[in-house]
């Protein structure tokens, strides 16, 4: 009996050590709740490729767009908590949506656990290259003259690129009209084709079209100028104070995912983030690498939820009923 108990104790002590060695034995799925081509999708593919490079199975990115990220994130929240499904988390579906939607299919704190903070960006206001405005002051004068005839694209109701123009409406007396799309890339195409006149969007989504001369940048929403767009001023520089908006990205797992699996996924993603090639790729896209433990990402998300609740309430932004 004594030998049996000692053997059992040794086995129990060995379990946590073995658990720490968990590695994915089949593809890890990152659900991106937006269409391909946007910043969330691009950054997820950078990390999926690098994080799975030394594993037997490649990670996969699955796009499930709709409801400003709610559909895909709900699918992630309802997936098996076994480490093989992550949901791509953004400023929209993990912070703003809780204040802008009357009914949410998931609760960030109840249904999901933070895993990794992949990066932060800023939004840039773009127009077509044949637009009469050459800078932001000229754009304001033009927009005031046009009134409600100015349409702006967004990646969906409640996204940061929806609320930022609404904030400008409230602060600057504009009448910009919202035209939502199911992701950043379709909204960008609408501006390029002339269906809408402007768009605030994450730099990684637009940087290729800006460099290619298909879109003209007028102003960025960061605390400082974007290194990829050094000649484009910030909103503060053109006289719009307290309008800093820096969207961010990360990954969450379904609630109930064992802590040692969360820790291992975080370690794999941090290893990818430490790769100089990944860092260079993110910066070239206009993204600032973040990283760190899950607790750092959790604290950031909770702070952003509180911040955007205040923004929605202060600007009297109507909640979405469906």
C-alpha atoms as a PDB file:
ATOM      1  CA  UNK A   1       0.000   0.000   0.000  1.00  0.00           C
ATOM      2  CA  UNK A   2       2.811   2.410   0.906  1.00  0.00           C
ATOM      3  CA  UNK A   3       4.536   1.737  -2.421  1.00  0.00           C
ATOM      4  CA  UNK A   4       1.243   2.296  -4.260  1.00  0.00           C
ATOM      5  CA  UNK A   5       0.678   5.632  -2.533  1.00  0.00           C
ATOM      6  CA  UNK A   6       4.227   6.755  -3.254  1.00  0.00           C
ATOM      7  CA  UNK A   7       3.848   5.799  -6.901  1.00  0.00           C
ATOM      8  CA  UNK A   8       0.541   7.658  -7.106  1.00  0.00           C
ATOM      9  CA  UNK A   9       2.093  10.751  -5.494  1.00  0.00           C
ATOM     10  CA  UNK A  10       4.989  10.636  -7.945  1.00  0.00           C
ATOM     11  CA  UNK A  11       2.536  10.392 -10.836  1.00  0.00           C
ATOM     12  CA  UNK A  12       0.529  13.384  -9.606  1.00  0.00           C
ATOM     13  CA  UNK A  13       3.703  15.422  -9.201  1.00  0.00           C
ATOM     14  CA  UNK A  14       4.752  14.535 -12.714  1.00  0.00           C
ATOM     15  CA  UNK A  15       1.499  15.665 -14.346  1.00  0.00           C
ATOM     16  CA  UNK A  16       2.112  19.446 -14.157  1.00  0.00           C
ATOM     17  CA  UNK A  17       5.634  19.050 -15.571  1.00  0.00           C
ATOM     18  CA  UNK A  18       4.325  16.967 -18.446  1.00  0.00           C
ATOM     19  CA  UNK A  19       1.516  19.435 -19.038  1.00  0.00           C
ATOM     20  CA  UNK A  20       4.010  22.256 -19.393  1.00  0.00           C
ATOM     21  CA  UNK A  21       5.428  20.429 -22.404  1.00  0.00           C
ATOM     22  CA  UNK A  22       2.141  20.736 -24.340  1.00  0.00           C
ATOM     23  CA  UNK A  23       2.603  21.395 -28.026  1.00  0.00           C
ATOM     24  CA  UNK A  24      -0.098  21.503 -30.705  1.00  0.00           C
ATOM     25  CA  UNK A  25      -0.398  18.142 -32.448  1.00  0.00           C
ATOM     26  CA  UNK A  26      -2.852  19.391 -35.056  1.00  0.00           C
ATOM     27  CA  UNK A  27      -3.393  22.806 -36.674  1.00  0.00           C
ATOM     28  CA  UNK A  28      -4.269  25.679 -34.366  1.00  0.00           C
ATOM     29  CA  UNK A  29      -7.092  27.674 -35.911  1.00  0.00           C
ATOM     30  CA  UNK A  30      -7.119  31.462 -35.611  1.00  0.00           C
ATOM     31  CA  UNK A  31     -10.626  32.717 -36.326  1.00  0.00           C
ATOM     32  CA  UNK A  32     -10.364  36.181 -37.873  1.00  0.00           C
ATOM     33  CA  UNK A  33     -13.830  37.740 -37.648  1.00  0.00           C
ATOM     34  CA  UNK A  34     -13.288  39.985 -40.682  1.00  0.00           C
ATOM     35  CA  UNK A  35     -12.722  39.417 -44.429  1.00  0.00           C
ATOM     36  CA  UNK A  36      -9.256  38.750 -45.852  1.00  0.00           C
ATOM     37  CA  UNK A  37      -7.039  41.730 -46.612  1.00  0.00           C
ATOM     38  CA  UNK A  38      -7.631  43.881 -43.533  1.00  0.00           C
ATOM     39  CA  UNK A  39      -5.120  44.569 -40.772  1.00  0.00           C
ATOM     40  CA  UNK A  40      -6.550  41.892 -38.437  1.00  0.00           C
ATOM     41  CA  UNK A  41      -6.198  39.278 -41.158  1.00  0.00           C
ATOM     42  CA  UNK A  42      -2.724  40.376 -42.301  1.00  0.00           C
ATOM     43  CA  UNK A  43      -1.244  40.437 -38.788  1.00  0.00           C
ATOM     44  CA  UNK A  44      -2.833  37.094 -37.865  1.00  0.00           C
ATOM     45  CA  UNK A  45      -1.236  35.472 -40.906  1.00  0.00           C
ATOM     46  CA  UNK A  46       2.187  36.872 -39.995  1.00  0.00           C
ATOM     47  CA  UNK A  47       1.952  35.314 -36.518  1.00  0.00           C
ATOM     48  CA  UNK A  48       0.339  32.057 -37.653  1.00  0.00           C
ATOM     49  CA  UNK A  49       3.125  31.470 -40.151  1.00  0.00           C
ATOM     50  CA  UNK A  50       5.965  32.153 -37.711  1.00  0.00           C
ATOM     51  CA  UNK A  51       4.460  30.561 -34.579  1.00  0.00           C
ATOM     52  CA  UNK A  52       3.913  27.245 -36.347  1.00  0.00           C
ATOM     53  CA  UNK A  53       7.191  27.173 -38.263  1.00  0.00           C
ATOM     54  CA  UNK A  54       8.874  24.625 -35.982  1.00  0.00           C
ATOM     55  CA  UNK A  55       5.733  22.601 -35.206  1.00  0.00           C
ATOM     56  CA  UNK A  56       4.528  19.463 -36.995  1.00  0.00           C
ATOM     57  CA  UNK A  57       1.295  21.160 -38.087  1.00  0.00           C
ATOM     58  CA  UNK A  58       0.874  24.611 -39.637  1.00  0.00           C
ATOM     59  CA  UNK A  59      -1.528  27.056 -37.988  1.00  0.00           C
ATOM     60  CA  UNK A  60      -4.445  28.175 -40.134  1.00  0.00           C
ATOM     61  CA  UNK A  61      -6.395  31.436 -40.384  1.00  0.00           C
ATOM     62  CA  UNK A  62     -10.143  31.140 -40.897  1.00  0.00           C
ATOM     63  CA  UNK A  63     -12.139  34.252 -41.865  1.00  0.00           C
ATOM     64  CA  UNK A  64     -15.648  34.469 -40.375  1.00  0.00           C
ATOM     65  CA  UNK A  65     -16.876  38.006 -40.979  1.00  0.00           C
ATOM     66  CA  UNK A  66     -20.009  39.765 -39.787  1.00  0.00           C
ATOM     67  CA  UNK A  67     -21.459  42.096 -37.137  1.00  0.00           C
ATOM     68  CA  UNK A  68     -18.154  43.960 -36.659  1.00  0.00           C
ATOM     69  CA  UNK A  69     -16.421  40.836 -35.481  1.00  0.00           C
ATOM     70  CA  UNK A  70     -19.180  39.475 -33.245  1.00  0.00           C
ATOM     71  CA  UNK A  71     -19.968  36.435 -35.406  1.00  0.00           C
ATOM     72  CA  UNK A  72     -16.422  35.125 -35.561  1.00  0.00           C
ATOM     73  CA  UNK A  73     -15.637  35.902 -31.929  1.00  0.00           C
ATOM     74  CA  UNK A  74     -18.802  34.121 -30.799  1.00  0.00           C
ATOM     75  CA  UNK A  75     -17.684  31.071 -32.771  1.00  0.00           C
ATOM     76  CA  UNK A  76     -14.306  31.208 -31.006  1.00  0.00           C
ATOM     77  CA  UNK A  77     -15.967  31.553 -27.590  1.00  0.00           C
ATOM     78  CA  UNK A  78     -18.125  28.476 -28.235  1.00  0.00           C
ATOM     79  CA  UNK A  79     -15.241  26.319 -29.479  1.00  0.00           C
ATOM     80  CA  UNK A  80     -13.683  23.502 -27.473  1.00  0.00           C
ATOM     81  CA  UNK A  81     -11.304  24.899 -24.802  1.00  0.00           C
ATOM     82  CA  UNK A  82      -8.430  22.685 -25.878  1.00  0.00           C
ATOM     83  CA  UNK A  83      -5.900  25.172 -27.267  1.00  0.00           C
ATOM     84  CA  UNK A  84      -6.715  24.521 -30.912  1.00  0.00           C
ATOM     85  CA  UNK A  85      -8.928  27.587 -31.465  1.00  0.00           C
ATOM     86  CA  UNK A  86      -8.065  31.248 -30.959  1.00  0.00           C
ATOM     87  CA  UNK A  87     -10.221  34.258 -31.751  1.00  0.00           C
ATOM     88  CA  UNK A  88      -8.612  37.370 -33.224  1.00  0.00           C
ATOM     89  CA  UNK A  89      -9.382  40.190 -30.836  1.00  0.00           C
ATOM     90  CA  UNK A  90      -9.544  43.850 -31.884  1.00  0.00           C
ATOM     91  CA  UNK A  91     -10.451  47.225 -30.412  1.00  0.00           C
ATOM     92  CA  UNK A  92     -13.877  46.649 -31.993  1.00  0.00           C
ATOM     93  CA  UNK A  93     -15.021  43.158 -31.101  1.00  0.00           C
ATOM     94  CA  UNK A  94     -13.236  43.066 -27.727  1.00  0.00           C
ATOM     95  CA  UNK A  95     -13.762  46.631 -26.431  1.00  0.00           C
ATOM     96  CA  UNK A  96     -16.160  48.880 -28.365  1.00  0.00           C
ATOM     97  CA  UNK A  97     -18.865  46.360 -29.252  1.00  0.00           C
ATOM     98  CA  UNK A  98     -19.890  45.843 -25.631  1.00  0.00           C
ATOM     99  CA  UNK A  99     -20.980  49.497 -25.522  1.00  0.00           C
ATOM    100  CA  UNK A 100     -22.343  49.893 -29.054  1.00  0.00           C
ATOM    101  CA  UNK A 101     -24.439  46.708 -29.368  1.00  0.00           C
ATOM    102  CA  UNK A 102     -27.598  46.343 -27.285  1.00  0.00           C
ATOM    103  CA  UNK A 103     -27.179  42.551 -27.285  1.00  0.00           C
ATOM    104  CA  UNK A 104     -23.850  40.758 -27.411  1.00  0.00           C
ATOM    105  CA  UNK A 105     -23.567  37.023 -28.204  1.00  0.00           C
ATOM    106  CA  UNK A 106     -20.552  36.668 -25.899  1.00  0.00           C
ATOM    107  CA  UNK A 107     -19.034  38.338 -22.856  1.00  0.00           C
ATOM    108  CA  UNK A 108     -15.287  38.985 -22.981  1.00  0.00           C
ATOM    109  CA  UNK A 109     -14.738  38.417 -19.259  1.00  0.00           C
ATOM    110  CA  UNK A 110     -17.078  35.445 -18.938  1.00  0.00           C
ATOM    111  CA  UNK A 111     -16.524  33.508 -22.168  1.00  0.00           C
ATOM    112  CA  UNK A 112     -12.911  34.145 -23.217  1.00  0.00           C
ATOM    113  CA  UNK A 113      -9.408  34.288 -21.767  1.00  0.00           C
ATOM    114  CA  UNK A 114      -6.620  36.564 -23.067  1.00  0.00           C
ATOM    115  CA  UNK A 115      -3.636  34.829 -24.648  1.00  0.00           C
ATOM    116  CA  UNK A 116      -1.461  37.363 -26.470  1.00  0.00           C
ATOM    117  CA  UNK A 117      -1.289  41.038 -27.522  1.00  0.00           C
ATOM    118  CA  UNK A 118       0.126  41.028 -31.048  1.00  0.00           C
ATOM    119  CA  UNK A 119       0.336  44.700 -31.956  1.00  0.00           C
ATOM    120  CA  UNK A 120      -1.060  48.217 -32.124  1.00  0.00           C
ATOM    121  CA  UNK A 121      -1.584  50.552 -35.054  1.00  0.00           C
ATOM    122  CA  UNK A 122      -3.164  53.906 -35.777  1.00  0.00           C
ATOM    123  CA  UNK A 123      -5.858  54.965 -38.190  1.00  0.00           C
ATOM    124  CA  UNK A 124      -5.149  57.172 -41.177  1.00  0.00           C
ATOM    125  CA  UNK A 125      -7.702  59.298 -43.033  1.00  0.00           C
ATOM    126  CA  UNK A 126      -7.506  58.728 -46.785  1.00  0.00           C
ATOM    127  CA  UNK A 127      -9.211  60.135 -49.870  1.00  0.00           C
ATOM    128  CA  UNK A 128      -8.782  59.466 -53.570  1.00  0.00           C
ATOM    129  CA  UNK A 129      -5.754  61.116 -55.192  1.00  0.00           C
ATOM    130  CA  UNK A 130      -8.073  63.295 -57.317  1.00  0.00           C
ATOM    131  CA  UNK A 131      -9.843  64.695 -54.232  1.00  0.00           C
ATOM    132  CA  UNK A 132      -9.692  68.519 -54.085  1.00  0.00           C
ATOM    133  CA  UNK A 133      -8.341  68.526 -50.508  1.00  0.00           C
ATOM    134  CA  UNK A 134      -4.558  68.331 -50.279  1.00  0.00           C
ATOM    135  CA  UNK A 135      -4.454  68.405 -46.453  1.00  0.00           C
ATOM    136  CA  UNK A 136      -6.758  68.083 -43.446  1.00  0.00           C
ATOM    137  CA  UNK A 137      -7.692  71.797 -43.107  1.00  0.00           C
ATOM    138  CA  UNK A 138      -8.726  71.812 -46.775  1.00  0.00           C
ATOM    139  CA  UNK A 139     -10.684  68.613 -46.179  1.00  0.00           C
ATOM    140  CA  UNK A 140     -12.574  70.220 -43.289  1.00  0.00           C
ATOM    141  CA  UNK A 141     -13.489  73.236 -45.416  1.00  0.00           C
ATOM    142  CA  UNK A 142     -14.649  70.939 -48.222  1.00  0.00           C
ATOM    143  CA  UNK A 143     -16.647  68.675 -45.861  1.00  0.00           C
ATOM    144  CA  UNK A 144     -18.427  71.632 -44.258  1.00  0.00           C
ATOM    145  CA  UNK A 145     -19.393  72.887 -47.705  1.00  0.00           C
ATOM    146  CA  UNK A 146     -20.683  69.468 -48.788  1.00  0.00           C
ATOM    147  CA  UNK A 147     -22.749  68.791 -45.640  1.00  0.00           C
ATOM    148  CA  UNK A 148     -24.473  65.393 -45.575  1.00  0.00           C
ATOM    149  CA  UNK A 149     -23.207  64.555 -49.078  1.00  0.00           C
ATOM    150  CA  UNK A 150     -19.899  63.282 -47.626  1.00  0.00           C
ATOM    151  CA  UNK A 151     -19.979  59.512 -47.100  1.00  0.00           C
ATOM    152  CA  UNK A 152     -17.320  57.627 -45.154  1.00  0.00           C
ATOM    153  CA  UNK A 153     -16.563  53.911 -45.209  1.00  0.00           C
ATOM    154  CA  UNK A 154     -16.045  51.864 -42.073  1.00  0.00           C
ATOM    155  CA  UNK A 155     -15.306  48.216 -41.375  1.00  0.00           C
ATOM    156  CA  UNK A 156     -18.618  47.949 -39.511  1.00  0.00           C
ATOM    157  CA  UNK A 157     -20.848  49.573 -36.900  1.00  0.00           C
ATOM    158  CA  UNK A 158     -18.949  50.229 -33.699  1.00  0.00           C
ATOM    159  CA  UNK A 159     -15.482  49.925 -35.206  1.00  0.00           C
ATOM    160  CA  UNK A 160     -12.889  52.565 -34.349  1.00  0.00           C
ATOM    161  CA  UNK A 161     -13.099  53.807 -37.944  1.00  0.00           C
ATOM    162  CA  UNK A 162     -16.829  54.318 -37.415  1.00  0.00           C
ATOM    163  CA  UNK A 163     -16.604  56.084 -34.066  1.00  0.00           C
ATOM    164  CA  UNK A 164     -13.681  58.372 -34.963  1.00  0.00           C
ATOM    165  CA  UNK A 165     -15.551  60.175 -37.788  1.00  0.00           C
ATOM    166  CA  UNK A 166     -18.615  60.338 -35.517  1.00  0.00           C
ATOM    167  CA  UNK A 167     -16.393  62.011 -32.926  1.00  0.00           C
ATOM    168  CA  UNK A 168     -15.280  64.526 -35.565  1.00  0.00           C
ATOM    169  CA  UNK A 169     -18.930  65.148 -36.437  1.00  0.00           C
ATOM    170  CA  UNK A 170     -19.650  65.940 -32.791  1.00  0.00           C
ATOM    171  CA  UNK A 171     -16.508  67.986 -32.146  1.00  0.00           C
ATOM    172  CA  UNK A 172     -16.136  69.855 -35.452  1.00  0.00           C
ATOM    173  CA  UNK A 173     -19.746  70.309 -36.520  1.00  0.00           C
ATOM    174  CA  UNK A 174     -19.483  68.004 -39.545  1.00  0.00           C
ATOM    175  CA  UNK A 175     -22.239  65.884 -41.102  1.00  0.00           C
ATOM    176  CA  UNK A 176     -20.255  62.908 -42.382  1.00  0.00           C
ATOM    177  CA  UNK A 177     -22.571  60.027 -43.310  1.00  0.00           C
ATOM    178  CA  UNK A 178     -21.646  56.489 -42.255  1.00  0.00           C
ATOM    179  CA  UNK A 179     -21.552  53.648 -44.822  1.00  0.00           C
ATOM    180  CA  UNK A 180     -20.572  50.371 -43.074  1.00  0.00           C
ATOM    181  CA  UNK A 181     -18.825  47.474 -44.808  1.00  0.00           C
ATOM    182  CA  UNK A 182     -17.957  43.978 -43.624  1.00  0.00           C
ATOM    183  CA  UNK A 183     -14.267  44.694 -43.099  1.00  0.00           C
ATOM    184  CA  UNK A 184     -11.483  47.155 -43.808  1.00  0.00           C
ATOM    185  CA  UNK A 185     -10.573  45.949 -47.304  1.00  0.00           C
ATOM    186  CA  UNK A 186     -14.090  46.300 -48.815  1.00  0.00           C
ATOM    187  CA  UNK A 187     -14.397  49.789 -47.300  1.00  0.00           C
ATOM    188  CA  UNK A 188     -11.039  50.741 -48.802  1.00  0.00           C
ATOM    189  CA  UNK A 189     -12.158  49.547 -52.225  1.00  0.00           C
ATOM    190  CA  UNK A 190     -15.269  51.724 -51.943  1.00  0.00           C
ATOM    191  CA  UNK A 191     -13.121  54.843 -51.536  1.00  0.00           C
ATOM    192  CA  UNK A 192     -10.831  53.863 -54.408  1.00  0.00           C
ATOM    193  CA  UNK A 193     -13.857  53.302 -56.659  1.00  0.00           C
ATOM    194  CA  UNK A 194     -15.541  56.563 -55.615  1.00  0.00           C
ATOM    195  CA  UNK A 195     -18.533  54.956 -53.872  1.00  0.00           C
ATOM    196  CA  UNK A 196     -17.531  56.787 -50.667  1.00  0.00           C
ATOM    197  CA  UNK A 197     -15.391  59.887 -50.279  1.00  0.00           C
ATOM    198  CA  UNK A 198     -13.188  59.072 -47.300  1.00  0.00           C
ATOM    199  CA  UNK A 199     -12.149  56.459 -44.774  1.00  0.00           C
ATOM    200  CA  UNK A 200     -10.301  56.253 -41.488  1.00  0.00           C
ATOM    201  CA  UNK A 201      -8.642  52.836 -41.441  1.00  0.00           C
ATOM    202  CA  UNK A 202      -5.761  50.953 -39.861  1.00  0.00           C
ATOM    203  CA  UNK A 203      -2.456  51.769 -41.531  1.00  0.00           C
ATOM    204  CA  UNK A 204      -1.638  48.105 -42.418  1.00  0.00           C
ATOM    205  CA  UNK A 205      -4.862  47.851 -44.452  1.00  0.00           C
ATOM    206  CA  UNK A 206      -4.136  51.017 -46.449  1.00  0.00           C
ATOM    207  CA  UNK A 207      -0.344  51.248 -46.617  1.00  0.00           C
ATOM    208  CA  UNK A 208      -0.058  49.377 -49.940  1.00  0.00           C
ATOM    209  CA  UNK A 209      -2.647  51.589 -51.656  1.00  0.00           C
ATOM    210  CA  UNK A 210      -1.035  54.720 -50.179  1.00  0.00           C
ATOM    211  CA  UNK A 211       2.414  53.703 -51.406  1.00  0.00           C
ATOM    212  CA  UNK A 212       0.933  52.814 -54.781  1.00  0.00           C
ATOM    213  CA  UNK A 213      -0.614  56.257 -55.154  1.00  0.00           C
ATOM    214  CA  UNK A 214      -4.185  54.942 -55.139  1.00  0.00           C
ATOM    215  CA  UNK A 215      -5.096  56.797 -51.929  1.00  0.00           C
ATOM    216  CA  UNK A 216      -3.951  60.097 -50.408  1.00  0.00           C
ATOM    217  CA  UNK A 217      -3.338  60.208 -46.621  1.00  0.00           C
ATOM    218  CA  UNK A 218      -4.352  63.415 -44.809  1.00  0.00           C
ATOM    219  CA  UNK A 219      -3.995  62.798 -41.065  1.00  0.00           C
ATOM    220  CA  UNK A 220      -3.281  59.981 -38.559  1.00  0.00           C
ATOM    221  CA  UNK A 221      -4.921  59.243 -35.219  1.00  0.00           C
ATOM    222  CA  UNK A 222      -1.844  58.295 -33.160  1.00  0.00           C
ATOM    223  CA  UNK A 223      -0.097  60.092 -30.330  1.00  0.00           C
ATOM    224  CA  UNK A 224       2.852  60.580 -32.676  1.00  0.00           C
ATOM    225  CA  UNK A 225       3.312  60.407 -36.433  1.00  0.00           C
ATOM    226  CA  UNK A 226       3.454  56.956 -37.987  1.00  0.00           C
ATOM    227  CA  UNK A 227       7.047  56.002 -38.956  1.00  0.00           C
ATOM    228  CA  UNK A 228       5.677  54.614 -42.226  1.00  0.00           C
ATOM    229  CA  UNK A 229       3.959  57.943 -42.995  1.00  0.00           C
ATOM    230  CA  UNK A 230       6.373  60.525 -41.560  1.00  0.00           C
ATOM    231  CA  UNK A 231       4.955  63.434 -43.585  1.00  0.00           C
ATOM    232  CA  UNK A 232       1.362  62.901 -42.412  1.00  0.00           C
ATOM    233  CA  UNK A 233       0.427  64.975 -39.323  1.00  0.00           C
ATOM    234  CA  UNK A 234      -1.502  63.750 -36.296  1.00  0.00           C
ATOM    235  CA  UNK A 235      -4.976  64.993 -35.407  1.00  0.00           C
ATOM    236  CA  UNK A 236      -3.438  66.931 -32.519  1.00  0.00           C
ATOM    237  CA  UNK A 237      -1.073  68.681 -34.920  1.00  0.00           C
ATOM    238  CA  UNK A 238      -3.993  69.907 -37.046  1.00  0.00           C
ATOM    239  CA  UNK A 239      -5.885  71.201 -34.018  1.00  0.00           C
ATOM    240  CA  UNK A 240      -8.063  68.255 -32.959  1.00  0.00           C
ATOM    241  CA  UNK A 241      -7.046  67.544 -29.367  1.00  0.00           C
ATOM    242  CA  UNK A 242      -7.887  64.425 -27.314  1.00  0.00           C
ATOM    243  CA  UNK A 243      -8.710  62.302 -30.355  1.00  0.00           C
ATOM    244  CA  UNK A 244      -5.947  59.693 -30.115  1.00  0.00           C
ATOM    245  CA  UNK A 245      -7.162  56.335 -31.438  1.00  0.00           C
ATOM    246  CA  UNK A 246      -4.676  53.464 -31.683  1.00  0.00           C
ATOM    247  CA  UNK A 247      -6.414  50.212 -32.641  1.00  0.00           C
ATOM    248  CA  UNK A 248      -4.871  46.998 -31.369  1.00  0.00           C
ATOM    249  CA  UNK A 249      -4.910  43.267 -32.044  1.00  0.00           C
ATOM    250  CA  UNK A 250      -4.514  40.114 -30.024  1.00  0.00           C
ATOM    251  CA  UNK A 251      -5.798  36.598 -29.472  1.00  0.00           C
ATOM    252  CA  UNK A 252      -8.172  35.014 -26.982  1.00  0.00           C
ATOM    253  CA  UNK A 253      -9.073  31.416 -26.242  1.00  0.00           C
ATOM    254  CA  UNK A 254     -12.372  29.947 -25.058  1.00  0.00           C
ATOM    255  CA  UNK A 255     -12.935  30.127 -21.305  1.00  0.00           C
ATOM    256  CA  UNK A 256     -11.909  26.844 -19.735  1.00  0.00           C
ATOM    257  CA  UNK A 257      -8.728  26.455 -21.772  1.00  0.00           C
ATOM    258  CA  UNK A 258      -6.200  25.045 -19.247  1.00  0.00           C
ATOM    259  CA  UNK A 259      -3.734  27.649 -17.938  1.00  0.00           C
ATOM    260  CA  UNK A 260      -0.697  25.643 -19.031  1.00  0.00           C
ATOM    261  CA  UNK A 261      -2.022  25.578 -22.605  1.00  0.00           C
ATOM    262  CA  UNK A 262      -2.680  29.326 -22.537  1.00  0.00           C
ATOM    263  CA  UNK A 263       0.869  29.810 -21.237  1.00  0.00           C
ATOM    264  CA  UNK A 264       2.313  27.633 -24.009  1.00  0.00           C
ATOM    265  CA  UNK A 265       0.367  29.425 -26.741  1.00  0.00           C
ATOM    266  CA  UNK A 266       1.534  32.740 -25.301  1.00  0.00           C
ATOM    267  CA  UNK A 267       5.135  31.480 -25.335  1.00  0.00           C
ATOM    268  CA  UNK A 268       4.892  30.367 -28.966  1.00  0.00           C
ATOM    269  CA  UNK A 269       3.458  33.732 -30.022  1.00  0.00           C
ATOM    270  CA  UNK A 270       6.064  35.638 -28.012  1.00  0.00           C
ATOM    271  CA  UNK A 271       8.782  33.589 -29.701  1.00  0.00           C
ATOM    272  CA  UNK A 272       7.327  34.630 -33.045  1.00  0.00           C
ATOM    273  CA  UNK A 273       7.145  38.242 -31.901  1.00  0.00           C
ATOM    274  CA  UNK A 274      10.831  38.186 -30.930  1.00  0.00           C
ATOM    275  CA  UNK A 275      11.875  37.169 -34.457  1.00  0.00           C
ATOM    276  CA  UNK A 276      13.540  40.213 -36.112  1.00  0.00           C
ATOM    277  CA  UNK A 277      11.858  39.296 -39.406  1.00  0.00           C
ATOM    278  CA  UNK A 278       8.423  39.438 -37.758  1.00  0.00           C
ATOM    279  CA  UNK A 279       9.258  42.740 -36.059  1.00  0.00           C
ATOM    280  CA  UNK A 280      10.388  44.205 -39.371  1.00  0.00           C
ATOM    281  CA  UNK A 281       7.307  42.897 -41.172  1.00  0.00           C
ATOM    282  CA  UNK A 282       4.956  44.431 -38.587  1.00  0.00           C
ATOM    283  CA  UNK A 283       6.725  47.795 -38.653  1.00  0.00           C
ATOM    284  CA  UNK A 284       6.728  47.839 -42.445  1.00  0.00           C
ATOM    285  CA  UNK A 285       2.974  47.309 -42.312  1.00  0.00           C
ATOM    286  CA  UNK A 286       2.630  50.229 -39.906  1.00  0.00           C
ATOM    287  CA  UNK A 287       2.059  48.122 -36.782  1.00  0.00           C
ATOM    288  CA  UNK A 288       3.863  48.445 -33.436  1.00  0.00           C
ATOM    289  CA  UNK A 289       4.810  45.027 -31.975  1.00  0.00           C
ATOM    290  CA  UNK A 290       3.513  44.456 -28.440  1.00  0.00           C
ATOM    291  CA  UNK A 291       3.796  40.986 -26.863  1.00  0.00           C
ATOM    292  CA  UNK A 292       4.166  40.120 -23.185  1.00  0.00           C
ATOM    293  CA  UNK A 293       2.222  37.803 -20.852  1.00  0.00           C
ATOM    294  CA  UNK A 294      -1.550  37.253 -21.041  1.00  0.00           C
ATOM    295  CA  UNK A 295      -2.006  39.483 -17.984  1.00  0.00           C
ATOM    296  CA  UNK A 296      -0.635  42.500 -19.887  1.00  0.00           C
ATOM    297  CA  UNK A 297      -3.162  41.989 -22.673  1.00  0.00           C
ATOM    298  CA  UNK A 298      -5.983  41.410 -20.160  1.00  0.00           C
ATOM    299  CA  UNK A 299      -5.283  44.707 -18.381  1.00  0.00           C
ATOM    300  CA  UNK A 300      -5.192  46.586 -21.698  1.00  0.00           C
ATOM    301  CA  UNK A 301      -8.498  45.127 -22.861  1.00  0.00           C
ATOM    302  CA  UNK A 302     -10.269  45.995 -19.607  1.00  0.00           C
ATOM    303  CA  UNK A 303      -8.946  49.557 -19.763  1.00  0.00           C
ATOM    304  CA  UNK A 304     -10.120  49.933 -23.366  1.00  0.00           C
ATOM    305  CA  UNK A 305     -13.611  48.608 -22.542  1.00  0.00           C
ATOM    306  CA  UNK A 306     -13.981  51.317 -19.884  1.00  0.00           C
ATOM    307  CA  UNK A 307     -12.552  54.038 -22.148  1.00  0.00           C
ATOM    308  CA  UNK A 308     -14.858  53.343 -25.088  1.00  0.00           C
ATOM    309  CA  UNK A 309     -17.908  53.071 -22.875  1.00  0.00           C
ATOM    310  CA  UNK A 310     -17.203  56.649 -21.816  1.00  0.00           C
ATOM    311  CA  UNK A 311     -16.708  57.754 -25.452  1.00  0.00           C
ATOM    312  CA  UNK A 312     -19.996  56.185 -26.571  1.00  0.00           C
ATOM    313  CA  UNK A 313     -21.924  57.714 -23.686  1.00  0.00           C
ATOM    314  CA  UNK A 314     -20.302  61.174 -23.921  1.00  0.00           C
ATOM    315  CA  UNK A 315     -20.964  61.440 -27.658  1.00  0.00           C
ATOM    316  CA  UNK A 316     -24.495  60.034 -27.375  1.00  0.00           C
ATOM    317  CA  UNK A 317     -23.813  57.354 -29.987  1.00  0.00           C
ATOM    318  CA  UNK A 318     -26.923  55.268 -30.573  1.00  0.00           C
ATOM    319  CA  UNK A 319     -26.691  51.603 -29.697  1.00  0.00           C
ATOM    320  CA  UNK A 320     -27.274  48.958 -32.358  1.00  0.00           C
ATOM    321  CA  UNK A 321     -30.294  46.782 -31.666  1.00  0.00           C
ATOM    322  CA  UNK A 322     -29.350  43.777 -33.798  1.00  0.00           C
END
